[in-house]
C-alpha cells in the first residue's frame, strides 16, 4: 500500500487497528518499524506499508539495519 494512495485519517486508523505494522521504502526495498527514525524521514512518495514482515519479504524487501538489527543480521548472513 503506497502512502500517497491513502488518506492520513485512514492510515492512522489502519495503524491503530494493527492492519499496518511495518513501513518500507519502495525505491531502496527496505522495510522497518513504523517508529524508525530514518523511516520517518523518507519521502512520502517512496513510502509503502505492510501488514507483516512476511508480506514485506515476499515483496523482496530487506529488514532495516537501524530498527531491526537482529533481522538485518540474519538477512545479511543469508539465514
Protein backbone atom coordinates (compact mmCIF):
# COMPACT_ATOMS: atom_id res chain seq x y z
CA UNK A 1 0.00 0.00 0.00
CA UNK A 2 1.58 3.28 -1.11
CA UNK A 3 1.45 6.22 1.30
CA UNK A 4 0.34 8.57 -1.46
CA UNK A 5 -2.72 6.36 -2.10
CA UNK A 6 -4.16 6.53 1.43
CA UNK A 7 -5.62 9.43 3.38
CA UNK A 8 -3.93 10.34 6.67
CA UNK A 9 -7.06 9.52 8.70
CA UNK A 10 -7.36 6.09 7.07
CA UNK A 11 -3.67 5.47 7.66
CA UNK A 12 -3.92 6.26 11.38
CA UNK A 13 -6.98 4.03 11.66
CA UNK A 14 -5.20 1.11 9.97
CA UNK A 15 -2.16 1.55 12.23
CA UNK A 16 -4.33 1.61 15.37
CA UNK A 17 -6.22 -1.44 14.10
CA UNK A 18 -2.88 -3.24 13.51
CA UNK A 19 -3.65 -3.66 9.79
CA UNK A 20 -0.38 -1.84 9.11
CA UNK A 21 2.64 -2.80 11.20
CA UNK A 22 5.66 -2.01 9.03
CA UNK A 23 6.74 0.73 6.65
CA UNK A 24 9.11 0.48 3.75
CA UNK A 25 10.97 2.43 1.13
CA UNK A 26 9.87 1.26 -2.31
CA UNK A 27 13.00 2.60 -4.04
CA UNK A 28 15.51 1.07 -1.64
CA UNK A 29 13.42 -2.06 -0.96
CA UNK A 30 13.92 -1.74 2.83
CA UNK A 31 11.22 -2.25 5.47
CA UNK A 32 11.20 -1.46 9.16
CA UNK A 33 9.21 -0.45 12.21
CA UNK A 34 6.84 2.49 11.94
CA UNK A 35 8.69 4.44 14.63
CA UNK A 36 12.12 4.08 12.98
CA UNK A 37 13.81 7.50 12.79
CA UNK A 38 15.31 7.03 9.28
CA UNK A 39 11.98 5.66 8.08
CA UNK A 40 10.15 8.74 9.30
CA UNK A 41 12.45 10.93 7.17
CA UNK A 42 11.78 9.20 3.86
CA UNK A 43 9.76 10.93 1.17
CA UNK A 44 6.04 10.22 1.21
CA UNK A 45 6.04 9.09 -2.44
CA UNK A 46 8.61 6.37 -1.60
CA UNK A 47 6.80 5.04 1.49
CA UNK A 48 4.83 1.79 1.41
CA UNK A 49 3.15 -0.15 4.21
CA UNK A 50 2.92 -3.82 5.12
CA UNK A 51 0.75 -5.82 7.49
CA UNK A 52 3.61 -8.18 8.37
CA UNK A 53 7.32 -8.77 7.94
CA UNK A 54 6.47 -11.81 5.82
CA UNK A 55 4.50 -9.64 3.41
CA UNK A 56 7.46 -7.27 3.07
CA UNK A 57 9.87 -10.16 2.49
CA UNK A 58 7.55 -11.72 -0.11
CA UNK A 59 7.79 -8.41 -1.97
CA UNK A 60 11.62 -8.63 -1.89
CA UNK A 61 12.19 -6.02 0.83
CA UNK A 62 15.03 -6.44 3.31
CA UNK A 63 14.95 -5.55 7.04
CA UNK A 64 16.18 -2.15 8.17
CA UNK A 65 19.66 -2.22 9.70
CA UNK A 66 18.73 0.55 12.13
CA UNK A 67 15.49 -0.57 13.80
CA UNK A 68 15.59 -4.31 13.05
CA UNK A 69 19.24 -5.15 13.75
CA UNK A 70 18.76 -8.85 14.50
CA UNK A 71 16.59 -9.47 11.44
CA UNK A 72 19.02 -7.47 9.31
CA UNK A 73 21.98 -9.55 10.52
CA UNK A 74 20.10 -12.76 9.69
CA UNK A 75 19.22 -11.41 6.24
CA UNK A 76 22.80 -10.29 5.63
CA UNK A 77 24.18 -13.69 6.64
CA UNK A 78 21.64 -15.47 4.44
CA UNK A 79 19.70 -17.13 7.27
